[in-house]
Amino acid sequence: MVMNARAPLKLDGRNPAHPAGRARLQLPGVKVLPPPARRWLRRQVLAVLSHSGPAPDYDAPRGDPGLFGPDSVTWKIHADFPAMMAGGLAALMLQTLHPLALAGVWDHSDFRHDTLKRLRNTIAFVARTTYAPRAPAEAAIQRVRRIHSGVTGVAADGRAYSADDSHLLTWVHCAEAWCFLRAYEVYCHGPVPRAARDRYLDETALIPEALGASGVPRSQAQVDAFFDGIRAELAFDARTREVLGVLGAVSLPLPFAGVSRELFFGAGAALLPAWALELMGRTRAARLRDRVAAGALKVMAPSIRDAMAEGGLAWRACARTGTDYAELFRWPA
């Protein structure tokens, strides 16, 4: 069979056409890149991500809503590519502040030598649990559980740690969910209604609980209280400094890697809460650079959003469930 040459490229290398019409999309923001440049950007990014390993079939079975479904707030928040990139980097920065969470990464991964692999694995897990059909989404969770079962040890301060620890799983999740929400508000939507924020946190608590956590915060008030309680456990030490240095030097899988890294890393740092920036000792000069990067991403985000729509995983999940992709960017008045 001969494939349609104009069909959108997929992350697993296949490219059957979707029934959804590109002309129907009305995504938020003013595009500063012309359409040919946006199409080029999309091809470049999807071609790089397609080399990240075997991917599940996001197109079948038809009608399968996965773990969350098209009516969820989670599908909306996770659909915006620029916000998820910045929010993901912010979450990784924030997570390094817990010595026991960092010890597991330090002792049991090659993060310092293959940072991009770690980032790709994180992106793949979030994508699969959000947009894949139920079976591969649940398989992704079980795979992480198997990996976590072997991640145990003793931290530099002599305390034992385990990746299965409910408290650490909750910390990692709260840091991630908080940063994704914040990034979505800053780089895509503007303030998200409190009820929608609470619903997002209630929905996504499913993931850490499936990994073995209990008592996961399910509202903004509960996440705020969790952060207040955990701050005494956080620290910025030599390991944190080294990991953040490695993260800040990674070559992102995006065109113009150096510029992309400065843009997304700075835009991610700009999202962090003031107490985290103080703990990191982030200088006034660095915070100024972060604000400049955040401003630049706000300008570029609509073009990146538009470029990454067709052929992306949220697009494919919408096609699988018969949902209009543009609805992911519309909120009730």
C-alpha atoms as a PDB file:
ATOM      1  CA  MET A   1       0.000   0.000   0.000  1.00  0.00           C
ATOM      2  CA  VAL A   2       1.301   3.486  -0.866  1.00  0.00           C
ATOM      3  CA  MET A   3       0.991   6.009   1.942  1.00  0.00           C
ATOM      4  CA  ASN A   4      -0.305   9.502   1.368  1.00  0.00           C
ATOM      5  CA  ALA A   5       2.817  11.682   1.064  1.00  0.00           C
ATOM      6  CA  ARG A   6       1.018  14.563   2.746  1.00  0.00           C
ATOM      7  CA  ALA A   7      -0.091  12.551   5.780  1.00  0.00           C
ATOM      8  CA  PRO A   8       1.217  13.750   9.148  1.00  0.00           C
ATOM      9  CA  LEU A   9       4.366  12.103  10.501  1.00  0.00           C
ATOM     10  CA  LYS A  10       3.892  10.027  13.632  1.00  0.00           C
ATOM     11  CA  LEU A  11       6.203   9.529  16.567  1.00  0.00           C
ATOM     12  CA  ASP A  12       6.660   5.844  15.725  1.00  0.00           C
ATOM     13  CA  GLY A  13       7.517   6.546  12.089  1.00  0.00           C
ATOM     14  CA  ARG A  14       4.141   5.635  10.556  1.00  0.00           C
ATOM     15  CA  ASN A  15       2.015   8.250   8.865  1.00  0.00           C
ATOM     16  CA  PRO A  16      -1.568   7.321   7.967  1.00  0.00           C
ATOM     17  CA  ALA A  17      -3.762  10.358   7.557  1.00  0.00           C
ATOM     18  CA  HIS A  18      -6.179  11.464  10.258  1.00  0.00           C
ATOM     19  CA  PRO A  19      -9.755  12.420   9.442  1.00  0.00           C
ATOM     20  CA  ALA A  20      -9.427  15.642  11.427  1.00  0.00           C
ATOM     21  CA  GLY A  21      -8.980  18.651   9.169  1.00  0.00           C
ATOM     22  CA  ARG A  22      -6.037  20.926   9.760  1.00  0.00           C
ATOM     23  CA  ALA A  23      -8.018  23.920   8.510  1.00  0.00           C
ATOM     24  CA  ARG A  24     -10.418  23.615  11.453  1.00  0.00           C
ATOM     25  CA  LEU A  25      -7.786  24.375  14.061  1.00  0.00           C
ATOM     26  CA  GLN A  26      -8.066  27.670  15.854  1.00  0.00           C
ATOM     27  CA  LEU A  27      -5.354  27.435  18.498  1.00  0.00           C
ATOM     28  CA  PRO A  28      -4.705  30.327  20.920  1.00  0.00           C
ATOM     29  CA  GLY A  29      -2.127  33.023  20.280  1.00  0.00           C
ATOM     30  CA  VAL A  30      -0.650  34.992  17.407  1.00  0.00           C
ATOM     31  CA  LYS A  31       1.776  33.010  15.268  1.00  0.00           C
ATOM     32  CA  VAL A  32       5.048  34.836  14.576  1.00  0.00           C
ATOM     33  CA  LEU A  33       6.457  32.103  12.324  1.00  0.00           C
ATOM     34  CA  PRO A  34       5.023  31.706   8.809  1.00  0.00           C
ATOM     35  CA  PRO A  35       3.306  28.391   7.975  1.00  0.00           C
ATOM     36  CA  PRO A  36       6.320  26.922   6.064  1.00  0.00           C
ATOM     37  CA  ALA A  37       8.556  27.536   9.094  1.00  0.00           C
ATOM     38  CA  ARG A  38       5.992  25.968  11.430  1.00  0.00           C
ATOM     39  CA  ARG A  39       5.725  22.891   9.200  1.00  0.00           C
ATOM     40  CA  TRP A  40       9.539  22.603   9.129  1.00  0.00           C
ATOM     41  CA  LEU A  41       9.704  22.867  12.930  1.00  0.00           C
ATOM     42  CA  ARG A  42       7.109  20.132  13.298  1.00  0.00           C
ATOM     43  CA  ARG A  43       8.957  17.768  10.959  1.00  0.00           C
ATOM     44  CA  GLN A  44      12.250  18.339  12.771  1.00  0.00           C
ATOM     45  CA  VAL A  45      10.890  17.727  16.273  1.00  0.00           C
ATOM     46  CA  LEU A  46       8.749  14.713  15.381  1.00  0.00           C
ATOM     47  CA  ALA A  47      11.635  13.163  13.429  1.00  0.00           C
ATOM     48  CA  VAL A  48      13.890  13.425  16.495  1.00  0.00           C
ATOM     49  CA  LEU A  49      11.266  12.104  18.925  1.00  0.00           C
ATOM     50  CA  SER A  50      10.486   9.199  16.589  1.00  0.00           C
ATOM     51  CA  HIS A  51      13.954   7.800  17.412  1.00  0.00           C
ATOM     52  CA  SER A  52      13.217   7.571  21.134  1.00  0.00           C
ATOM     53  CA  GLY A  53      12.259   3.891  20.935  1.00  0.00           C
ATOM     54  CA  PRO A  54       9.219   1.706  20.219  1.00  0.00           C
ATOM     55  CA  ALA A  55       5.944   3.452  20.932  1.00  0.00           C
ATOM     56  CA  PRO A  56       2.476   2.028  21.542  1.00  0.00           C
ATOM     57  CA  ASP A  57      -0.257   2.435  18.976  1.00  0.00           C
ATOM     58  CA  TYR A  58      -2.033   5.667  19.873  1.00  0.00           C
ATOM     59  CA  ASP A  59      -4.628   5.153  17.098  1.00  0.00           C
ATOM     60  CA  ALA A  60      -6.316   1.928  18.212  1.00  0.00           C
ATOM     61  CA  PRO A  61      -8.516   0.549  19.560  1.00  0.00           C
ATOM     62  CA  ARG A  62     -10.967   3.129  18.318  1.00  0.00           C
ATOM     63  CA  GLY A  63     -12.918   4.835  21.067  1.00  0.00           C
ATOM     64  CA  ASP A  64     -10.527   3.811  23.863  1.00  0.00           C
ATOM     65  CA  PRO A  65     -10.277   6.869  26.175  1.00  0.00           C
ATOM     66  CA  GLY A  66      -7.188   5.668  28.014  1.00  0.00           C
ATOM     67  CA  LEU A  67      -6.810   6.538  31.690  1.00  0.00           C
ATOM     68  CA  PHE A  68      -8.302  10.044  31.489  1.00  0.00           C
ATOM     69  CA  GLY A  69     -10.263  10.617  28.291  1.00  0.00           C
ATOM     70  CA  PRO A  70     -11.026  13.666  26.131  1.00  0.00           C
ATOM     71  CA  ASP A  71     -13.342  15.269  28.697  1.00  0.00           C
ATOM     72  CA  SER A  72     -10.603  15.408  31.319  1.00  0.00           C
ATOM     73  CA  VAL A  73      -8.705  18.524  32.348  1.00  0.00           C
ATOM     74  CA  THR A  74      -5.526  16.443  32.086  1.00  0.00           C
ATOM     75  CA  TRP A  75      -5.882  16.120  28.315  1.00  0.00           C
ATOM     76  CA  LYS A  76      -6.155  19.913  28.082  1.00  0.00           C
ATOM     77  CA  ILE A  77      -3.200  20.751  30.327  1.00  0.00           C
ATOM     78  CA  HIS A  78      -0.875  18.184  28.721  1.00  0.00           C
ATOM     79  CA  ALA A  79      -1.789  19.080  25.133  1.00  0.00           C
ATOM     80  CA  ASP A  80       0.342  22.224  24.944  1.00  0.00           C
ATOM     81  CA  PHE A  81       3.844  21.295  23.765  1.00  0.00           C
ATOM     82  CA  PRO A  82       5.719  24.491  24.746  1.00  0.00           C
ATOM     83  CA  ALA A  83       4.147  24.570  28.208  1.00  0.00           C
ATOM     84  CA  MET A  84       4.898  20.887  28.788  1.00  0.00           C
ATOM     85  CA  MET A  85       8.548  21.344  27.756  1.00  0.00           C
ATOM     86  CA  ALA A  86       9.052  24.296  30.101  1.00  0.00           C
ATOM     87  CA  GLY A  87       6.983  22.720  32.878  1.00  0.00           C
ATOM     88  CA  GLY A  88       8.827  19.416  32.599  1.00  0.00           C
ATOM     89  CA  LEU A  89      12.213  21.100  32.974  1.00  0.00           C
ATOM     90  CA  ALA A  90      10.906  23.130  35.916  1.00  0.00           C
ATOM     91  CA  ALA A  91       9.677  19.925  37.570  1.00  0.00           C
ATOM     92  CA  LEU A  92      13.067  18.246  37.171  1.00  0.00           C
ATOM     93  CA  MET A  93      14.768  21.278  38.724  1.00  0.00           C
ATOM     94  CA  LEU A  94      12.342  21.295  41.639  1.00  0.00           C
ATOM     95  CA  GLN A  95      12.590  17.534  42.222  1.00  0.00           C
ATOM     96  CA  THR A  96      16.392  17.714  42.648  1.00  0.00           C
ATOM     97  CA  LEU A  97      15.893  19.627  45.896  1.00  0.00           C
ATOM     98  CA  HIS A  98      14.862  16.518  47.826  1.00  0.00           C
ATOM     99  CA  PRO A  99      18.080  14.648  48.805  1.00  0.00           C
ATOM    100  CA  LEU A 100      16.435  11.213  48.917  1.00  0.00           C
ATOM    101  CA  ALA A 101      14.679  11.614  45.569  1.00  0.00           C
ATOM    102  CA  LEU A 102      17.955  12.846  44.082  1.00  0.00           C
ATOM    103  CA  ALA A 103      19.902   9.936  45.604  1.00  0.00           C
ATOM    104  CA  GLY A 104      17.853   7.430  43.630  1.00  0.00           C
ATOM    105  CA  VAL A 105      18.610   9.233  40.370  1.00  0.00           C
ATOM    106  CA  TRP A 106      22.273   9.678  41.341  1.00  0.00           C
ATOM    107  CA  ASP A 107      22.878   6.035  42.252  1.00  0.00           C
ATOM    108  CA  HIS A 108      20.646   4.189  39.786  1.00  0.00           C
ATOM    109  CA  SER A 109      20.661   6.086  36.508  1.00  0.00           C
ATOM    110  CA  ASP A 110      23.060   7.419  33.917  1.00  0.00           C
ATOM    111  CA  PHE A 111      21.415  10.849  34.077  1.00  0.00           C
ATOM    112  CA  ARG A 112      24.732  12.704  34.318  1.00  0.00           C
ATOM    113  CA  HIS A 113      26.066  10.967  31.198  1.00  0.00           C
ATOM    114  CA  ASP A 114      22.909  10.574  29.121  1.00  0.00           C
ATOM    115  CA  THR A 115      20.585  13.324  30.253  1.00  0.00           C
ATOM    116  CA  LEU A 116      18.606  13.264  27.023  1.00  0.00           C
ATOM    117  CA  LYS A 117      17.710   9.603  27.551  1.00  0.00           C
ATOM    118  CA  ARG A 118      16.319  10.432  30.976  1.00  0.00           C
ATOM    119  CA  LEU A 119      14.307  13.330  29.552  1.00  0.00           C
ATOM    120  CA  ARG A 120      12.944  11.160  26.748  1.00  0.00           C
ATOM    121  CA  ASN A 121      11.920   8.443  29.208  1.00  0.00           C
ATOM    122  CA  THR A 122      10.102  11.019  31.344  1.00  0.00           C
ATOM    123  CA  ILE A 123       8.366  12.507  28.301  1.00  0.00           C
ATOM    124  CA  ALA A 124       7.349   9.036  27.102  1.00  0.00           C
ATOM    125  CA  PHE A 125       5.872   8.079  30.492  1.00  0.00           C
ATOM    126  CA  VAL A 126       3.794  11.261  30.784  1.00  0.00           C
ATOM    127  CA  ALA A 127       2.650  10.933  27.161  1.00  0.00           C
ATOM    128  CA  ARG A 128       1.662   7.288  27.459  1.00  0.00           C
ATOM    129  CA  THR A 129      -0.190   7.609  30.737  1.00  0.00           C
ATOM    130  CA  THR A 130      -2.014  10.667  29.393  1.00  0.00           C
ATOM    131  CA  TYR A 131      -2.911   9.830  25.789  1.00  0.00           C
ATOM    132  CA  ALA A 132      -2.276   6.137  25.071  1.00  0.00           C
ATOM    133  CA  PRO A 133      -5.097   3.580  25.169  1.00  0.00           C
ATOM    134  CA  ARG A 134      -5.652   1.983  28.577  1.00  0.00           C
ATOM    135  CA  ALA A 135      -3.614  -1.204  28.050  1.00  0.00           C
ATOM    136  CA  PRO A 136      -0.304   0.461  27.073  1.00  0.00           C
ATOM    137  CA  ALA A 137      -0.852   3.199  29.662  1.00  0.00           C
ATOM    138  CA  GLU A 138      -1.213   0.604  32.410  1.00  0.00           C
ATOM    139  CA  ALA A 139       1.775  -1.303  30.990  1.00  0.00           C
ATOM    140  CA  ALA A 140       3.887   1.861  31.280  1.00  0.00           C
ATOM    141  CA  ILE A 141       2.944   2.177  34.951  1.00  0.00           C
ATOM    142  CA  GLN A 142       3.792  -1.460  35.642  1.00  0.00           C
ATOM    143  CA  ARG A 143       7.161  -1.053  33.924  1.00  0.00           C
ATOM    144  CA  VAL A 144       8.005   1.903  36.164  1.00  0.00           C
ATOM    145  CA  ARG A 145       6.915  -0.084  39.216  1.00  0.00           C
ATOM    146  CA  ARG A 146       9.324  -2.862  38.249  1.00  0.00           C
ATOM    147  CA  ILE A 147      12.152  -0.353  37.840  1.00  0.00           C
ATOM    148  CA  HIS A 148      11.345   1.336  41.148  1.00  0.00           C
ATOM    149  CA  SER A 149      11.477  -1.984  43.001  1.00  0.00           C
ATOM    150  CA  GLY A 150      15.237  -2.091  42.441  1.00  0.00           C
ATOM    151  CA  VAL A 151      15.934   1.542  43.288  1.00  0.00           C
ATOM    152  CA  THR A 152      17.004   1.400  46.916  1.00  0.00           C
ATOM    153  CA  GLY A 153      20.086   2.496  48.783  1.00  0.00           C
ATOM    154  CA  VAL A 154      21.621   4.835  51.307  1.00  0.00           C
ATOM    155  CA  ALA A 155      21.841   8.553  50.634  1.00  0.00           C
ATOM    156  CA  ALA A 156      24.958  10.641  51.235  1.00  0.00           C
ATOM    157  CA  ASP A 157      23.654  11.641  54.673  1.00  0.00           C
ATOM    158  CA  GLY A 158      23.230   8.011  55.752  1.00  0.00           C
ATOM    159  CA  ARG A 159      19.463   7.765  55.363  1.00  0.00           C
ATOM    160  CA  ALA A 160      17.939   4.818  53.525  1.00  0.00           C
ATOM    161  CA  TYR A 161      15.814   5.556  50.483  1.00  0.00           C
ATOM    162  CA  SER A 162      13.492   3.665  48.157  1.00  0.00           C
ATOM    163  CA  ALA A 163      11.821   4.784  44.941  1.00  0.00           C
ATOM    164  CA  ASP A 164       8.700   2.982  46.171  1.00  0.00           C
ATOM    165  CA  ASP A 165       8.477   5.283  49.202  1.00  0.00           C
ATOM    166  CA  SER A 166       5.003   6.850  49.212  1.00  0.00           C
ATOM    167  CA  HIS A 167       6.297  10.195  50.470  1.00  0.00           C
ATOM    168  CA  LEU A 168       8.908  10.478  47.702  1.00  0.00           C
ATOM    169  CA  LEU A 169       6.427   9.399  45.025  1.00  0.00           C
ATOM    170  CA  THR A 170       4.090  12.117  46.249  1.00  0.00           C
ATOM    171  CA  TRP A 171       6.864  14.730  46.193  1.00  0.00           C
ATOM    172  CA  VAL A 172       7.838  13.868  42.617  1.00  0.00           C
ATOM    173  CA  HIS A 173       4.205  13.955  41.502  1.00  0.00           C
ATOM    174  CA  CYS A 174       3.332  17.228  43.246  1.00  0.00           C
ATOM    175  CA  ALA A 175       6.409  18.956  41.831  1.00  0.00           C
ATOM    176  CA  GLU A 176       5.489  17.756  38.347  1.00  0.00           C
ATOM    177  CA  ALA A 177       1.773  18.560  38.518  1.00  0.00           C
ATOM    178  CA  TRP A 178       2.391  22.007  40.041  1.00  0.00           C
ATOM    179  CA  CYS A 179       4.922  22.890  37.334  1.00  0.00           C
ATOM    180  CA  PHE A 180       2.727  21.619  34.489  1.00  0.00           C
ATOM    181  CA  LEU A 181      -0.182  23.696  35.738  1.00  0.00           C
ATOM    182  CA  ARG A 182       1.952  26.777  36.233  1.00  0.00           C
ATOM    183  CA  ALA A 183       3.528  26.435  32.781  1.00  0.00           C
ATOM    184  CA  TYR A 184       0.118  26.046  31.157  1.00  0.00           C
ATOM    185  CA  GLU A 185      -1.109  29.214  32.825  1.00  0.00           C
ATOM    186  CA  VAL A 186       1.984  31.240  31.901  1.00  0.00           C
ATOM    187  CA  TYR A 187       2.644  30.030  28.359  1.00  0.00           C
ATOM    188  CA  CYS A 188      -0.772  28.987  27.047  1.00  0.00           C
ATOM    189  CA  HIS A 189      -4.011  29.837  28.790  1.00  0.00           C
ATOM    190  CA  GLY A 190      -3.679  32.401  31.542  1.00  0.00           C
ATOM    191  CA  PRO A 191      -5.143  31.680  34.997  1.00  0.00           C
ATOM    192  CA  VAL A 192      -6.927  28.337  35.149  1.00  0.00           C
ATOM    193  CA  PRO A 193     -10.116  28.393  37.270  1.00  0.00           C
ATOM    194  CA  ARG A 194      -9.580  27.001  40.756  1.00  0.00           C
ATOM    195  CA  ALA A 195     -12.172  24.282  40.179  1.00  0.00           C
ATOM    196  CA  ALA A 196     -10.322  23.143  37.046  1.00  0.00           C
ATOM    197  CA  ARG A 197      -6.986  23.156  38.896  1.00  0.00           C
ATOM    198  CA  ASP A 198      -8.499  21.001  41.621  1.00  0.00           C
ATOM    199  CA  ARG A 199      -9.990  18.650  39.054  1.00  0.00           C
ATOM    200  CA  TYR A 200      -6.608  18.292  37.307  1.00  0.00           C
ATOM    201  CA  LEU A 201      -4.893  17.444  40.589  1.00  0.00           C
ATOM    202  CA  ASP A 202      -7.666  15.012  41.490  1.00  0.00           C
ATOM    203  CA  GLU A 203      -7.386  13.289  38.093  1.00  0.00           C
ATOM    204  CA  THR A 204      -3.607  13.020  37.968  1.00  0.00           C
ATOM    205  CA  ALA A 205      -3.343  11.632  41.524  1.00  0.00           C
ATOM    206  CA  LEU A 206      -4.269   8.371  39.805  1.00  0.00           C
ATOM    207  CA  ILE A 207      -0.675   7.984  38.532  1.00  0.00           C
ATOM    208  CA  PRO A 208       1.323   8.151  41.795  1.00  0.00           C
ATOM    209  CA  GLU A 209      -1.335   6.048  43.504  1.00  0.00           C
ATOM    210  CA  ALA A 210      -0.965   3.401  40.776  1.00  0.00           C
ATOM    211  CA  LEU A 211       2.800   3.529  41.442  1.00  0.00           C
ATOM    212  CA  GLY A 212       2.211   2.837  45.131  1.00  0.00           C
ATOM    213  CA  ALA A 213       1.682   6.217  46.793  1.00  0.00           C
ATOM    214  CA  SER A 214      -1.098   6.900  49.279  1.00  0.00           C
ATOM    215  CA  GLY A 215      -2.668  10.092  50.569  1.00  0.00           C
ATOM    216  CA  VAL A 216      -1.729  12.007  47.408  1.00  0.00           C
ATOM    217  CA  PRO A 217      -2.961  15.643  47.420  1.00  0.00           C
ATOM    218  CA  ARG A 218      -6.031  16.065  45.233  1.00  0.00           C
ATOM    219  CA  SER A 219      -6.582  19.830  45.324  1.00  0.00           C
ATOM    220  CA  GLN A 220      -4.580  23.041  45.123  1.00  0.00           C
ATOM    221  CA  ALA A 221      -5.001  23.607  48.869  1.00  0.00           C
ATOM    222  CA  GLN A 222      -3.689  20.119  49.615  1.00  0.00           C
ATOM    223  CA  VAL A 223      -0.680  20.552  47.308  1.00  0.00           C
ATOM    224  CA  ASP A 224       0.129  23.907  48.942  1.00  0.00           C
ATOM    225  CA  ALA A 225      -0.053  22.277  52.371  1.00  0.00           C
ATOM    226  CA  PHE A 226       2.161  19.415  51.193  1.00  0.00           C
ATOM    227  CA  PHE A 227       4.811  21.869  49.953  1.00  0.00           C
ATOM    228  CA  ASP A 228       4.671  23.781  53.241  1.00  0.00           C
ATOM    229  CA  GLY A 229       5.275  20.563  55.138  1.00  0.00           C
ATOM    230  CA  ILE A 230       8.081  19.197  52.987  1.00  0.00           C
ATOM    231  CA  ARG A 231      10.208  22.322  52.683  1.00  0.00           C
ATOM    232  CA  ALA A 232      12.172  21.460  55.831  1.00  0.00           C
ATOM    233  CA  GLU A 233      13.346  18.262  54.080  1.00  0.00           C
ATOM    234  CA  LEU A 234      14.720  20.040  51.002  1.00  0.00           C
ATOM    235  CA  ALA A 235      18.330  21.020  50.432  1.00  0.00           C
ATOM    236  CA  PHE A 236      20.633  22.501  47.812  1.00  0.00           C
ATOM    237  CA  ASP A 237      23.994  20.741  47.961  1.00  0.00           C
ATOM    238  CA  ALA A 238      26.875  19.756  45.689  1.00  0.00           C
ATOM    239  CA  ARG A 239      24.875  16.947  44.084  1.00  0.00           C
ATOM    240  CA  THR A 240      21.955  19.247  43.364  1.00  0.00           C
ATOM    241  CA  ARG A 241      24.302  21.830  41.871  1.00  0.00           C
ATOM    242  CA  GLU A 242      25.949  19.226  39.627  1.00  0.00           C
ATOM    243  CA  VAL A 243      22.665  17.758  38.388  1.00  0.00           C
ATOM    244  CA  LEU A 244      21.239  21.206  37.664  1.00  0.00           C
ATOM    245  CA  GLY A 245      24.444  22.041  35.793  1.00  0.00           C
ATOM    246  CA  VAL A 246      24.075  18.907  33.674  1.00  0.00           C
ATOM    247  CA  LEU A 247      20.403  19.667  33.072  1.00  0.00           C
ATOM    248  CA  GLY A 248      21.222  23.234  32.053  1.00  0.00           C
ATOM    249  CA  ALA A 249      23.773  21.998  29.491  1.00  0.00           C
ATOM    250  CA  VAL A 250      21.667  19.277  27.851  1.00  0.00           C
ATOM    251  CA  SER A 251      21.173  19.388  24.109  1.00  0.00           C
ATOM    252  CA  LEU A 252      17.406  19.308  23.731  1.00  0.00           C
ATOM    253  CA  PRO A 253      15.884  17.306  20.850  1.00  0.00           C
ATOM    254  CA  LEU A 254      14.795  20.503  19.128  1.00  0.00           C
ATOM    255  CA  PRO A 255      16.079  22.563  16.210  1.00  0.00           C
ATOM    256  CA  PHE A 256      18.809  25.063  17.186  1.00  0.00           C
ATOM    257  CA  ALA A 257      19.586  23.020  20.298  1.00  0.00           C
ATOM    258  CA  GLY A 258      21.644  25.694  22.069  1.00  0.00           C
ATOM    259  CA  VAL A 259      19.025  28.404  21.654  1.00  0.00           C
ATOM    260  CA  SER A 260      16.233  25.953  22.483  1.00  0.00           C
ATOM    261  CA  ARG A 261      18.013  24.909  25.675  1.00  0.00           C
ATOM    262  CA  GLU A 262      18.445  28.483  26.892  1.00  0.00           C
ATOM    263  CA  LEU A 263      14.864  29.293  25.963  1.00  0.00           C
ATOM    264  CA  PHE A 264      13.171  26.324  27.658  1.00  0.00           C
ATOM    265  CA  PHE A 265      15.536  25.985  30.616  1.00  0.00           C
ATOM    266  CA  GLY A 266      15.204  29.689  31.437  1.00  0.00           C
ATOM    267  CA  ALA A 267      11.448  29.635  30.860  1.00  0.00           C
ATOM    268  CA  GLY A 268      11.240  26.605  33.145  1.00  0.00           C
ATOM    269  CA  ALA A 269      13.292  28.242  35.904  1.00  0.00           C
ATOM    270  CA  ALA A 270      11.034  31.306  35.702  1.00  0.00           C
ATOM    271  CA  LEU A 271       8.124  29.103  36.811  1.00  0.00           C
ATOM    272  CA  LEU A 272       9.690  27.948  40.079  1.00  0.00           C
ATOM    273  CA  PRO A 273       8.225  29.177  43.367  1.00  0.00           C
ATOM    274  CA  ALA A 274      10.154  31.902  45.159  1.00  0.00           C
ATOM    275  CA  TRP A 275      11.102  29.585  48.036  1.00  0.00           C
ATOM    276  CA  ALA A 276      12.751  27.144  45.598  1.00  0.00           C
ATOM    277  CA  LEU A 277      14.707  29.916  43.870  1.00  0.00           C
ATOM    278  CA  GLU A 278      15.899  31.174  47.253  1.00  0.00           C
ATOM    279  CA  LEU A 279      17.018  27.677  48.261  1.00  0.00           C
ATOM    280  CA  MET A 280      18.885  27.279  44.968  1.00  0.00           C
ATOM    281  CA  GLY A 281      20.557  30.651  45.448  1.00  0.00           C
ATOM    282  CA  ARG A 282      19.578  31.661  41.947  1.00  0.00           C
ATOM    283  CA  THR A 283      21.162  35.067  41.391  1.00  0.00           C
ATOM    284  CA  ARG A 284      19.397  38.231  40.311  1.00  0.00           C
ATOM    285  CA  ALA A 285      21.233  38.067  36.982  1.00  0.00           C
ATOM    286  CA  ALA A 286      20.055  34.494  36.419  1.00  0.00           C
ATOM    287  CA  ARG A 287      16.481  35.425  37.325  1.00  0.00           C
ATOM    288  CA  LEU A 288      16.627  38.303  34.860  1.00  0.00           C
ATOM    289  CA  ARG A 289      17.753  35.892  32.129  1.00  0.00           C
ATOM    290  CA  ASP A 290      14.903  33.581  33.145  1.00  0.00           C
ATOM    291  CA  ARG A 291      12.371  36.385  32.745  1.00  0.00           C
ATOM    292  CA  VAL A 292      13.785  37.222  29.307  1.00  0.00           C
ATOM    293  CA  ALA A 293      13.513  33.558  28.283  1.00  0.00           C
ATOM    294  CA  ALA A 294       9.959  33.409  29.617  1.00  0.00           C
ATOM    295  CA  GLY A 295       9.024  36.479  27.596  1.00  0.00           C
ATOM    296  CA  ALA A 296      10.575  34.984  24.469  1.00  0.00           C
ATOM    297  CA  LEU A 297       8.711  31.703  24.934  1.00  0.00           C
ATOM    298  CA  LYS A 298       5.422  33.560  25.363  1.00  0.00           C
ATOM    299  CA  VAL A 299       6.034  35.129  21.947  1.00  0.00           C
ATOM    300  CA  MET A 300       7.124  31.852  20.310  1.00  0.00           C
ATOM    301  CA  ALA A 301       4.627  29.536  22.024  1.00  0.00           C
ATOM    302  CA  PRO A 302       1.710  30.018  19.561  1.00  0.00           C
ATOM    303  CA  SER A 303       3.947  29.125  16.620  1.00  0.00           C
ATOM    304  CA  ILE A 304       5.380  26.093  18.417  1.00  0.00           C
ATOM    305  CA  ARG A 305       1.886  25.065  19.540  1.00  0.00           C
ATOM    306  CA  ASP A 306       0.558  25.271  16.009  1.00  0.00           C
ATOM    307  CA  ALA A 307       3.574  23.460  14.574  1.00  0.00           C
ATOM    308  CA  MET A 308       3.294  20.555  17.015  1.00  0.00           C
ATOM    309  CA  ALA A 309      -0.456  20.023  16.737  1.00  0.00           C
ATOM    310  CA  GLU A 310      -0.982  17.755  13.748  1.00  0.00           C
ATOM    311  CA  GLY A 311       0.592  14.332  14.157  1.00  0.00           C
ATOM    312  CA  GLY A 312       1.290  14.770  17.868  1.00  0.00           C
ATOM    313  CA  LEU A 313       0.097  12.330  20.499  1.00  0.00           C
ATOM    314  CA  ALA A 314      -2.813  14.472  21.706  1.00  0.00           C
ATOM    315  CA  TRP A 315      -3.913  14.849  18.081  1.00  0.00           C
ATOM    316  CA  ARG A 316      -3.800  11.077  17.591  1.00  0.00           C
ATOM    317  CA  ALA A 317      -5.680  10.429  20.829  1.00  0.00           C
ATOM    318  CA  CYS A 318      -8.391  12.834  19.669  1.00  0.00           C
ATOM    319  CA  ALA A 319      -8.606  11.044  16.327  1.00  0.00           C
ATOM    320  CA  ARG A 320      -8.887   7.703  18.152  1.00  0.00           C
ATOM    321  CA  THR A 321     -11.760   8.946  20.323  1.00  0.00           C
ATOM    322  CA  GLY A 322     -13.533  11.018  17.653  1.00  0.00           C
ATOM    323  CA  THR A 323     -12.750  14.295  19.442  1.00  0.00           C
ATOM    324  CA  ASP A 324     -12.082  17.682  17.849  1.00  0.00           C
ATOM    325  CA  TYR A 325      -8.455  18.462  18.762  1.00  0.00           C
ATOM    326  CA  ALA A 326      -9.168  22.192  18.951  1.00  0.00           C
ATOM    327  CA  GLU A 327     -11.568  21.497  21.843  1.00  0.00           C
ATOM    328  CA  LEU A 328      -8.542  20.787  24.025  1.00  0.00           C
ATOM    329  CA  PHE A 329      -7.771  24.523  23.839  1.00  0.00           C
ATOM    330  CA  ARG A 330     -11.282  25.762  24.528  1.00  0.00           C
ATOM    331  CA  TRP A 331     -12.539  26.327  28.043  1.00  0.00           C
ATOM    332  CA  PRO A 332     -16.063  27.107  29.229  1.00  0.00           C
ATOM    333  CA  ALA A 333     -16.624  30.833  29.617  1.00  0.00           C
END
